[in-house]
């Protein structure tokens, strides 16, 4: 074997090997961080969809109530007007229409704010801001609607 063939087939040096290991470890670390971010937020769309379904269910129930009834209400089963649903700024557990807690939705809470904004001089209108929050989701899902006294 002559000198020229020896230099062509001698392999890699220790420095080249260390540099290649560092480059590969950085690439693998970046890929693992991407996988971790994807798997940790994979349940978010399902929680958001469920939050929106809860909010829509509550809003449908509120919108079906009379604008004003001026009756005394004790508990959700006896709510008989739009303003009865106001939770006074507190998040409450999700309940069915009779006021019973729904165990399957125990991570969700609902807040309802009913105000009379008096838009453009019209006082026969209520603004309903319904917010659903989940313990595992940082963002809240708001739903806003207006209810007018179209019965008069």
C-alpha atoms as a PDB file:
ATOM      1  CA  UNK A   1       0.000   0.000   0.000  1.00  0.00           C
ATOM      2  CA  UNK A   2       1.487   3.318  -0.944  1.00  0.00           C
ATOM      3  CA  UNK A   3       1.133   6.625   0.904  1.00  0.00           C
ATOM      4  CA  UNK A   4      -1.536   7.969  -1.394  1.00  0.00           C
ATOM      5  CA  UNK A   5      -3.954   5.084  -0.688  1.00  0.00           C
ATOM      6  CA  UNK A   6      -3.353   5.391   3.073  1.00  0.00           C
ATOM      7  CA  UNK A   7      -4.591   9.007   3.148  1.00  0.00           C
ATOM      8  CA  UNK A   8      -7.723   8.188   1.112  1.00  0.00           C
ATOM      9  CA  UNK A   9      -8.987   5.457   3.496  1.00  0.00           C
ATOM     10  CA  UNK A  10      -8.043   6.617   6.943  1.00  0.00           C
ATOM     11  CA  UNK A  11     -11.602   7.382   8.434  1.00  0.00           C
ATOM     12  CA  UNK A  12     -12.742  10.321  10.604  1.00  0.00           C
ATOM     13  CA  UNK A  13     -10.919  12.208  13.286  1.00  0.00           C
ATOM     14  CA  UNK A  14     -12.135  12.576  16.862  1.00  0.00           C
ATOM     15  CA  UNK A  15     -12.995  16.265  16.317  1.00  0.00           C
ATOM     16  CA  UNK A  16     -15.117  15.446  13.255  1.00  0.00           C
ATOM     17  CA  UNK A  17     -16.931  12.755  15.230  1.00  0.00           C
ATOM     18  CA  UNK A  18     -17.671  15.131  18.170  1.00  0.00           C
ATOM     19  CA  UNK A  19     -18.925  17.871  15.819  1.00  0.00           C
ATOM     20  CA  UNK A  20     -21.261  15.437  14.039  1.00  0.00           C
ATOM     21  CA  UNK A  21     -22.621  14.159  17.399  1.00  0.00           C
ATOM     22  CA  UNK A  22     -23.306  17.748  18.546  1.00  0.00           C
ATOM     23  CA  UNK A  23     -25.104  18.604  15.280  1.00  0.00           C
ATOM     24  CA  UNK A  24     -27.233  15.445  15.434  1.00  0.00           C
ATOM     25  CA  UNK A  25     -28.126  16.020  19.107  1.00  0.00           C
ATOM     26  CA  UNK A  26     -29.250  19.611  18.357  1.00  0.00           C
ATOM     27  CA  UNK A  27     -31.429  18.349  15.495  1.00  0.00           C
ATOM     28  CA  UNK A  28     -32.953  15.573  17.612  1.00  0.00           C
ATOM     29  CA  UNK A  29     -33.574  18.040  20.464  1.00  0.00           C
ATOM     30  CA  UNK A  30     -35.455  20.373  18.109  1.00  0.00           C
ATOM     31  CA  UNK A  31     -37.598  17.541  16.769  1.00  0.00           C
ATOM     32  CA  UNK A  32     -38.401  16.317  20.288  1.00  0.00           C
ATOM     33  CA  UNK A  33     -39.411  19.838  21.344  1.00  0.00           C
ATOM     34  CA  UNK A  34     -41.755  19.987  18.344  1.00  0.00           C
ATOM     35  CA  UNK A  35     -43.327  16.639  19.289  1.00  0.00           C
ATOM     36  CA  UNK A  36     -43.728  17.735  22.905  1.00  0.00           C
ATOM     37  CA  UNK A  37     -45.473  20.966  21.890  1.00  0.00           C
ATOM     38  CA  UNK A  38     -47.802  19.090  19.548  1.00  0.00           C
ATOM     39  CA  UNK A  39     -48.804  16.401  22.030  1.00  0.00           C
ATOM     40  CA  UNK A  40     -49.285  18.784  24.957  1.00  0.00           C
ATOM     41  CA  UNK A  41     -51.803  20.899  23.030  1.00  0.00           C
ATOM     42  CA  UNK A  42     -53.561  18.118  21.131  1.00  0.00           C
ATOM     43  CA  UNK A  43     -56.580  18.146  23.492  1.00  0.00           C
ATOM     44  CA  UNK A  44     -57.142  21.913  23.167  1.00  0.00           C
ATOM     45  CA  UNK A  45     -59.412  21.743  20.077  1.00  0.00           C
ATOM     46  CA  UNK A  46     -61.646  19.160  21.767  1.00  0.00           C
ATOM     47  CA  UNK A  47     -61.898  21.249  24.956  1.00  0.00           C
ATOM     48  CA  UNK A  48     -62.672  24.378  22.918  1.00  0.00           C
ATOM     49  CA  UNK A  49     -65.374  22.555  20.948  1.00  0.00           C
ATOM     50  CA  UNK A  50     -66.939  21.232  24.159  1.00  0.00           C
ATOM     51  CA  UNK A  51     -66.763  24.706  25.736  1.00  0.00           C
ATOM     52  CA  UNK A  52     -68.512  26.180  22.726  1.00  0.00           C
ATOM     53  CA  UNK A  53     -71.195  23.460  22.883  1.00  0.00           C
ATOM     54  CA  UNK A  54     -71.802  24.222  26.585  1.00  0.00           C
ATOM     55  CA  UNK A  55     -71.958  27.964  25.864  1.00  0.00           C
ATOM     56  CA  UNK A  56     -74.368  27.479  22.968  1.00  0.00           C
ATOM     57  CA  UNK A  57     -76.610  25.242  25.075  1.00  0.00           C
ATOM     58  CA  UNK A  58     -76.772  27.819  27.871  1.00  0.00           C
ATOM     59  CA  UNK A  59     -77.340  30.667  25.414  1.00  0.00           C
ATOM     60  CA  UNK A  60     -80.183  28.791  23.682  1.00  0.00           C
ATOM     61  CA  UNK A  61     -81.851  28.230  27.040  1.00  0.00           C
ATOM     62  CA  UNK A  62     -81.454  31.890  28.058  1.00  0.00           C
ATOM     63  CA  UNK A  63     -82.740  33.213  24.741  1.00  0.00           C
ATOM     64  CA  UNK A  64     -85.906  31.099  25.020  1.00  0.00           C
ATOM     65  CA  UNK A  65     -86.867  32.762  28.316  1.00  0.00           C
ATOM     66  CA  UNK A  66     -89.150  35.809  28.448  1.00  0.00           C
ATOM     67  CA  UNK A  67     -87.435  39.187  28.504  1.00  0.00           C
ATOM     68  CA  UNK A  68     -88.980  40.110  31.827  1.00  0.00           C
ATOM     69  CA  UNK A  69     -91.307  38.290  34.203  1.00  0.00           C
ATOM     70  CA  UNK A  70     -90.576  39.968  37.553  1.00  0.00           C
ATOM     71  CA  UNK A  71     -91.195  36.746  39.434  1.00  0.00           C
ATOM     72  CA  UNK A  72     -89.240  35.369  42.390  1.00  0.00           C
ATOM     73  CA  UNK A  73     -86.804  32.626  41.402  1.00  0.00           C
ATOM     74  CA  UNK A  74     -85.011  30.155  43.627  1.00  0.00           C
ATOM     75  CA  UNK A  75     -82.616  27.956  41.728  1.00  0.00           C
ATOM     76  CA  UNK A  76     -82.044  27.327  38.061  1.00  0.00           C
ATOM     77  CA  UNK A  77     -85.065  25.029  37.697  1.00  0.00           C
ATOM     78  CA  UNK A  78     -87.301  28.053  38.408  1.00  0.00           C
ATOM     79  CA  UNK A  79     -85.583  30.647  36.211  1.00  0.00           C
ATOM     80  CA  UNK A  80     -88.313  32.393  34.269  1.00  0.00           C
ATOM     81  CA  UNK A  81     -86.640  35.422  32.648  1.00  0.00           C
ATOM     82  CA  UNK A  82     -83.367  36.426  31.019  1.00  0.00           C
ATOM     83  CA  UNK A  83     -81.991  38.341  34.028  1.00  0.00           C
ATOM     84  CA  UNK A  84     -82.295  35.304  36.331  1.00  0.00           C
ATOM     85  CA  UNK A  85     -79.248  33.736  34.657  1.00  0.00           C
ATOM     86  CA  UNK A  86     -76.861  36.503  35.767  1.00  0.00           C
ATOM     87  CA  UNK A  87     -74.210  34.858  37.970  1.00  0.00           C
ATOM     88  CA  UNK A  88     -72.998  38.153  39.473  1.00  0.00           C
ATOM     89  CA  UNK A  89     -69.491  37.728  38.090  1.00  0.00           C
ATOM     90  CA  UNK A  90     -68.896  34.244  39.511  1.00  0.00           C
ATOM     91  CA  UNK A  91     -67.980  31.141  37.538  1.00  0.00           C
ATOM     92  CA  UNK A  92     -70.388  28.330  38.442  1.00  0.00           C
ATOM     93  CA  UNK A  93     -70.279  24.615  37.707  1.00  0.00           C
ATOM     94  CA  UNK A  94     -72.114  23.448  34.589  1.00  0.00           C
ATOM     95  CA  UNK A  95     -75.663  22.355  35.437  1.00  0.00           C
ATOM     96  CA  UNK A  96     -78.598  20.910  33.563  1.00  0.00           C
ATOM     97  CA  UNK A  97     -81.874  22.818  33.240  1.00  0.00           C
ATOM     98  CA  UNK A  98     -83.058  21.523  36.611  1.00  0.00           C
ATOM     99  CA  UNK A  99     -79.992  22.814  38.438  1.00  0.00           C
ATOM    100  CA  UNK A 100     -78.265  19.428  38.844  1.00  0.00           C
ATOM    101  CA  UNK A 101     -74.492  19.415  38.253  1.00  0.00           C
ATOM    102  CA  UNK A 102     -73.326  17.496  35.191  1.00  0.00           C
ATOM    103  CA  UNK A 103     -70.522  15.222  36.419  1.00  0.00           C
ATOM    104  CA  UNK A 104     -69.068  14.617  32.926  1.00  0.00           C
ATOM    105  CA  UNK A 105     -68.504  18.382  32.560  1.00  0.00           C
ATOM    106  CA  UNK A 106     -66.981  18.928  36.006  1.00  0.00           C
ATOM    107  CA  UNK A 107     -63.901  20.692  34.576  1.00  0.00           C
ATOM    108  CA  UNK A 108     -66.039  23.395  32.949  1.00  0.00           C
ATOM    109  CA  UNK A 109     -67.447  26.500  34.622  1.00  0.00           C
ATOM    110  CA  UNK A 110     -69.903  29.092  33.315  1.00  0.00           C
ATOM    111  CA  UNK A 111     -70.293  32.808  33.999  1.00  0.00           C
ATOM    112  CA  UNK A 112     -73.250  34.811  32.707  1.00  0.00           C
ATOM    113  CA  UNK A 113     -73.497  38.613  32.796  1.00  0.00           C
ATOM    114  CA  UNK A 114     -76.821  40.194  31.852  1.00  0.00           C
ATOM    115  CA  UNK A 115     -76.750  43.980  31.462  1.00  0.00           C
ATOM    116  CA  UNK A 116     -78.984  46.660  29.962  1.00  0.00           C
ATOM    117  CA  UNK A 117     -76.602  48.656  27.764  1.00  0.00           C
ATOM    118  CA  UNK A 118     -79.137  51.260  26.536  1.00  0.00           C
ATOM    119  CA  UNK A 119     -77.844  51.281  22.955  1.00  0.00           C
ATOM    120  CA  UNK A 120     -78.928  54.321  20.921  1.00  0.00           C
ATOM    121  CA  UNK A 121     -81.540  55.278  23.470  1.00  0.00           C
ATOM    122  CA  UNK A 122     -83.175  51.824  23.362  1.00  0.00           C
ATOM    123  CA  UNK A 123     -83.572  50.577  26.928  1.00  0.00           C
ATOM    124  CA  UNK A 124     -85.620  47.482  26.101  1.00  0.00           C
ATOM    125  CA  UNK A 125     -82.548  45.406  25.305  1.00  0.00           C
ATOM    126  CA  UNK A 126     -80.312  43.131  27.387  1.00  0.00           C
ATOM    127  CA  UNK A 127     -76.756  42.186  26.571  1.00  0.00           C
ATOM    128  CA  UNK A 128     -75.893  38.619  27.551  1.00  0.00           C
ATOM    129  CA  UNK A 129     -72.194  37.787  27.893  1.00  0.00           C
ATOM    130  CA  UNK A 130     -71.699  34.095  28.569  1.00  0.00           C
ATOM    131  CA  UNK A 131     -68.196  32.819  29.287  1.00  0.00           C
ATOM    132  CA  UNK A 132     -67.146  29.171  29.602  1.00  0.00           C
ATOM    133  CA  UNK A 133     -63.819  28.269  31.179  1.00  0.00           C
ATOM    134  CA  UNK A 134     -62.058  24.921  31.507  1.00  0.00           C
ATOM    135  CA  UNK A 135     -59.532  24.052  34.187  1.00  0.00           C
ATOM    136  CA  UNK A 136     -57.030  22.717  31.627  1.00  0.00           C
ATOM    137  CA  UNK A 137     -57.410  25.486  29.069  1.00  0.00           C
ATOM    138  CA  UNK A 138     -55.898  28.910  29.650  1.00  0.00           C
ATOM    139  CA  UNK A 139     -58.287  30.756  27.322  1.00  0.00           C
ATOM    140  CA  UNK A 140     -61.966  31.389  27.983  1.00  0.00           C
ATOM    141  CA  UNK A 141     -64.689  30.896  25.382  1.00  0.00           C
ATOM    142  CA  UNK A 142     -67.039  33.918  25.287  1.00  0.00           C
ATOM    143  CA  UNK A 143     -70.440  34.077  23.624  1.00  0.00           C
ATOM    144  CA  UNK A 144     -72.286  37.405  23.339  1.00  0.00           C
ATOM    145  CA  UNK A 145     -75.907  37.941  22.401  1.00  0.00           C
ATOM    146  CA  UNK A 146     -78.568  40.634  22.678  1.00  0.00           C
ATOM    147  CA  UNK A 147     -82.165  40.022  23.711  1.00  0.00           C
ATOM    148  CA  UNK A 148     -84.808  42.665  23.095  1.00  0.00           C
ATOM    149  CA  UNK A 149     -88.265  43.027  24.530  1.00  0.00           C
ATOM    150  CA  UNK A 150     -90.026  42.307  21.271  1.00  0.00           C
ATOM    151  CA  UNK A 151     -93.158  41.153  23.075  1.00  0.00           C
ATOM    152  CA  UNK A 152     -94.370  44.706  23.691  1.00  0.00           C
END
